[in-house]
Each structure stands twice: as structure tokens, then as C-alpha cells.
């Protein structure tokens, strides 16, 4: 009998705005300026977040508006004169692991290290197969593994703060434990 792993809902958050740019290097990227006055460029950000249970999209949209307000106060908005085009929140997918910056994470539900590593291995293999199919059909990847396909990269935190001194995967550092997460950096 096949073991069915628990999946969690993942949502995508996207913001797009225009801002003033005095940097001339943008001129070689016409899409960054398309439809804007000469001194402005498009900018954007996007990320995903995994939750233990389904979320109300209206609540997430409210959170996103708060995020935007806080983001503006952190930036020198008078200098950049940022103008919001849109904020968007959407359900992305249900999955066992979730990509963050050069690492994947899942919720710590009491898995052993070996169970977590096996789960992540199955996840990576699924995404590699998906990418092979997409490469064959369209010449591009469907899912960015951000280095996870190289098993030798898998590691945990730097216990002494030195970037080259990693703990073994999966990460069980105090921050992961406090957040109830298991992470594998790569």
C-alpha cells in the first residue's frame, strides 16, 4: 500500500508597481519601461507561502494591503514615487514542500530526519519529472528547484554562523523548531 503524504495549501502573493529610476542600465530592457514615462520603470515582487489549512482569500488580500503599506514606509517613497499597479493573492497548489530562498520547507508534524529526507527526495523527483516533460514540450522548466536537484547541496543551518559550516539536512535549528518547520537548504 502506497503511503500518501500530507499536503498543505500554498498561496502566491504578487505586487507590481512603477517607480522613478535614474539608472540608465534599464534602457537595455525595454519591457521594464513599456507604457511608462521616460523616467519610470516597472518593478515587482512575488512569493509563495504555505499554510497548515486553507485560507480565506479576502483575509490574505487584507494582509497583502498591510504588507504594501509597511513596504512603502520602509522605502524612500518620495525619491522613487512608487505607484501601485496591483496586489494579487491566489491559491497556487497543494504540496508537501514549499520553496523559499534556496531552501524548501514543510511543517514539522513529528517526522524523523529520515522520513523528512525521503519525503523531500520524492518531492524533488516529482518536480524533476515535471520539468523533464515541460522541457521536452516547451523547452523550459515548470518548477524552479533552485539547486535542490543536486543532493550534495542539501544541508541545515550554520550552527556557528559561518556560511560554509552547515549542519546535516534536514535543518532542526532553534529557529525551525520555534516556527514548527523542517527546512532543507540547497
Protein backbone atom coordinates (compact mmCIF):
# COMPACT_ATOMS: atom_id res chain seq x y z
CA UNK A 1 0.00 0.00 0.00
CA UNK A 2 1.38 3.40 -1.02
CA UNK A 3 1.95 5.99 1.72
CA UNK A 4 0.04 9.18 0.86
CA UNK A 5 1.86 12.23 2.26
CA UNK A 6 0.05 15.18 3.75
CA UNK A 7 -0.08 18.23 1.50
CA UNK A 8 -0.64 21.84 2.50
CA UNK A 9 -2.19 24.77 0.65
CA UNK A 10 0.29 27.22 -0.87
CA UNK A 11 -0.70 30.74 -1.92
CA UNK A 12 1.10 33.12 -4.29
CA UNK A 13 1.43 36.82 -3.42
CA UNK A 14 2.34 39.30 -6.20
CA UNK A 15 2.84 43.06 -6.22
CA UNK A 16 3.58 45.21 -9.28
CA UNK A 17 4.28 48.92 -9.32
CA UNK A 18 6.13 51.62 -11.21
CA UNK A 19 8.82 53.82 -9.74
CA UNK A 20 11.28 56.53 -10.76
CA UNK A 21 14.66 55.27 -11.93
CA UNK A 22 17.74 57.33 -12.65
CA UNK A 23 19.72 54.18 -13.51
CA UNK A 24 20.44 54.10 -17.25
CA UNK A 25 21.14 50.34 -17.30
CA UNK A 26 17.38 49.74 -17.53
CA UNK A 27 17.40 51.16 -21.04
CA UNK A 28 18.63 47.82 -22.38
CA UNK A 29 15.44 46.17 -21.03
CA UNK A 30 12.56 47.84 -22.92
CA UNK A 31 9.84 45.78 -21.16
CA UNK A 32 10.85 47.38 -17.84
CA UNK A 33 9.79 50.75 -19.29
CA UNK A 34 6.93 49.70 -21.59
CA UNK A 35 4.00 52.12 -21.37
CA UNK A 36 5.68 54.39 -18.82
CA UNK A 37 7.13 57.90 -18.93
CA UNK A 38 10.87 58.07 -19.67
CA UNK A 39 11.99 58.35 -16.02
CA UNK A 40 9.91 55.41 -14.71
CA UNK A 41 10.35 51.61 -14.70
CA UNK A 42 8.23 48.64 -13.69
CA UNK A 43 9.14 46.76 -10.55
CA UNK A 44 7.54 43.77 -8.86
CA UNK A 45 7.91 41.03 -6.31
CA UNK A 46 6.30 37.67 -5.84
CA UNK A 47 6.49 34.92 -3.26
CA UNK A 48 4.57 31.92 -2.04
CA UNK A 49 3.61 30.87 1.47
CA UNK A 50 2.49 27.51 2.80
CA UNK A 51 -0.27 27.25 5.42
CA UNK A 52 -1.48 24.32 7.51
CA UNK A 53 -5.04 24.83 6.28
CA UNK A 54 -6.94 26.65 3.56
CA UNK A 55 -7.05 30.42 3.95
CA UNK A 56 -9.72 33.00 3.22
CA UNK A 57 -8.55 34.96 0.16
CA UNK A 58 -10.18 38.17 1.40
CA UNK A 59 -8.17 37.95 4.65
CA UNK A 60 -4.97 37.30 2.71
CA UNK A 61 -5.74 40.29 0.46
CA UNK A 62 -6.14 42.44 3.59
CA UNK A 63 -2.80 41.17 4.88
CA UNK A 64 -1.24 41.99 1.48
CA UNK A 65 -2.54 45.59 1.68
CA UNK A 66 -0.92 45.90 5.12
CA UNK A 67 2.30 44.47 3.69
CA UNK A 68 2.25 47.09 0.90
CA UNK A 69 1.72 49.94 3.37
CA UNK A 70 4.63 48.70 5.51
CA UNK A 71 6.79 48.21 2.41
CA UNK A 72 6.18 51.83 1.36
CA UNK A 73 7.18 53.15 4.79
CA UNK A 74 10.46 51.17 4.61
CA UNK A 75 11.30 52.53 1.15
CA UNK A 76 12.20 56.10 0.35
CA UNK A 77 8.91 56.53 -1.49
CA UNK A 78 9.37 60.27 -2.06
CA UNK A 79 12.52 59.54 -4.04
CA UNK A 80 11.05 56.62 -6.01
CA UNK A 81 7.43 57.88 -6.17
CA UNK A 82 6.13 54.31 -6.22
CA UNK A 83 2.71 53.86 -7.85
CA UNK A 84 0.95 50.59 -7.24
CA UNK A 85 -0.44 48.80 -10.30
CA UNK A 86 -1.81 45.77 -8.44
CA UNK A 87 -1.58 43.43 -5.48
CA UNK A 88 -2.70 39.88 -6.14
CA UNK A 89 -3.24 36.84 -3.92
CA UNK A 90 -4.15 33.47 -5.39
CA UNK A 91 -4.21 29.83 -4.45
CA UNK A 92 -1.16 28.20 -6.03
CA UNK A 93 -1.27 24.48 -5.21
CA UNK A 94 -1.38 21.82 -2.52
CA UNK A 95 2.04 20.26 -2.00
CA UNK A 96 4.25 18.53 0.57
CA UNK A 97 7.17 21.01 0.41
CA UNK A 98 7.36 24.72 -0.31
CA UNK A 99 10.17 26.75 -1.95
CA UNK A 100 11.67 29.76 -0.19
CA UNK A 101 15.04 31.38 -0.99
CA UNK A 102 17.44 28.49 -1.82
CA UNK A 103 15.63 26.17 0.56
CA UNK A 104 12.43 24.21 0.86
CA UNK A 105 10.30 23.83 3.96
CA UNK A 106 7.43 21.83 5.32
CA UNK A 107 5.60 21.67 8.62
CA UNK A 108 7.12 19.60 11.40
CA UNK A 109 4.46 17.01 12.13
CA UNK A 110 6.81 14.75 14.09
CA UNK A 111 8.68 13.28 11.10
CA UNK A 112 12.05 11.72 11.77
CA UNK A 113 15.03 13.11 9.87
CA UNK A 114 14.97 10.04 7.63
CA UNK A 115 11.25 10.44 6.91
CA UNK A 116 11.76 14.13 6.09
CA UNK A 117 14.67 13.35 3.75
CA UNK A 118 12.70 10.60 2.00
CA UNK A 119 9.71 12.93 1.62
CA UNK A 120 11.89 15.66 0.16
CA UNK A 121 13.56 13.16 -2.20
CA UNK A 122 10.12 12.10 -3.50
CA UNK A 123 9.13 15.76 -3.90
CA UNK A 124 12.30 16.62 -5.85
CA UNK A 125 11.89 13.56 -8.11
CA UNK A 126 8.28 14.55 -8.87
CA UNK A 127 9.36 18.07 -9.79
CA UNK A 128 12.29 16.78 -11.89
CA UNK A 129 9.89 14.58 -13.88
CA UNK A 130 7.54 17.52 -14.31
CA UNK A 131 10.46 19.64 -15.53
CA UNK A 132 11.65 16.95 -17.96
CA UNK A 133 8.19 16.80 -19.50
CA UNK A 134 7.96 20.60 -19.77
CA UNK A 135 11.50 20.79 -21.22
CA UNK A 136 10.52 18.23 -23.84
CA UNK A 137 7.28 20.04 -24.75
CA UNK A 138 8.21 23.72 -24.36
CA UNK A 139 11.95 23.95 -23.69
CA UNK A 140 11.63 25.35 -20.16
CA UNK A 141 11.18 24.15 -16.58
CA UNK A 142 7.78 24.03 -14.94
CA UNK A 143 9.14 24.33 -11.38
CA UNK A 144 12.31 26.05 -10.17
CA UNK A 145 14.13 23.69 -7.82
CA UNK A 146 16.76 26.37 -7.09
CA UNK A 147 19.55 23.79 -6.70
CA UNK A 148 17.57 21.09 -4.85
CA UNK A 149 18.16 18.66 -7.72
CA UNK A 150 21.80 18.48 -6.55
CA UNK A 151 21.51 16.24 -3.49
CA UNK A 152 25.04 17.12 -2.35
CA UNK A 153 23.79 20.69 -1.69
CA UNK A 154 21.21 19.63 0.90
CA UNK A 155 22.06 20.97 4.35
CA UNK A 156 20.78 22.57 7.51
CA UNK A 157 21.72 25.80 9.26
CA UNK A 158 25.18 27.14 10.02
CA UNK A 159 25.30 26.41 13.77
CA UNK A 160 28.27 28.74 14.38
CA UNK A 161 27.20 31.42 11.91
CA UNK A 162 29.85 30.51 9.32
CA UNK A 163 28.22 30.15 5.87
CA UNK A 164 30.43 27.20 4.87
CA UNK A 165 29.86 25.23 8.09
CA UNK A 166 26.48 23.55 7.58
CA UNK A 167 24.60 21.12 9.76
CA UNK A 168 23.29 17.94 8.12
CA UNK A 169 19.89 18.05 6.42
CA UNK A 170 17.17 18.44 7.45
CA UNK A 171 17.59 21.59 9.50
CA UNK A 172 16.44 21.31 13.09
CA UNK A 173 17.88 24.60 14.35
CA UNK A 174 16.21 26.57 17.12
CA UNK A 175 14.52 28.88 14.58
CA UNK A 176 12.99 25.97 12.65
CA UNK A 177 11.82 24.43 15.92
CA UNK A 178 10.29 27.72 17.12
CA UNK A 179 8.44 28.08 13.80
CA UNK A 180 7.33 24.43 13.67
CA UNK A 181 9.12 23.91 10.34
CA UNK A 182 11.58 21.49 8.80
CA UNK A 183 13.88 23.03 6.20
CA UNK A 184 16.37 21.72 3.69
CA UNK A 185 18.69 24.37 2.30
CA UNK A 186 20.48 23.86 -1.02
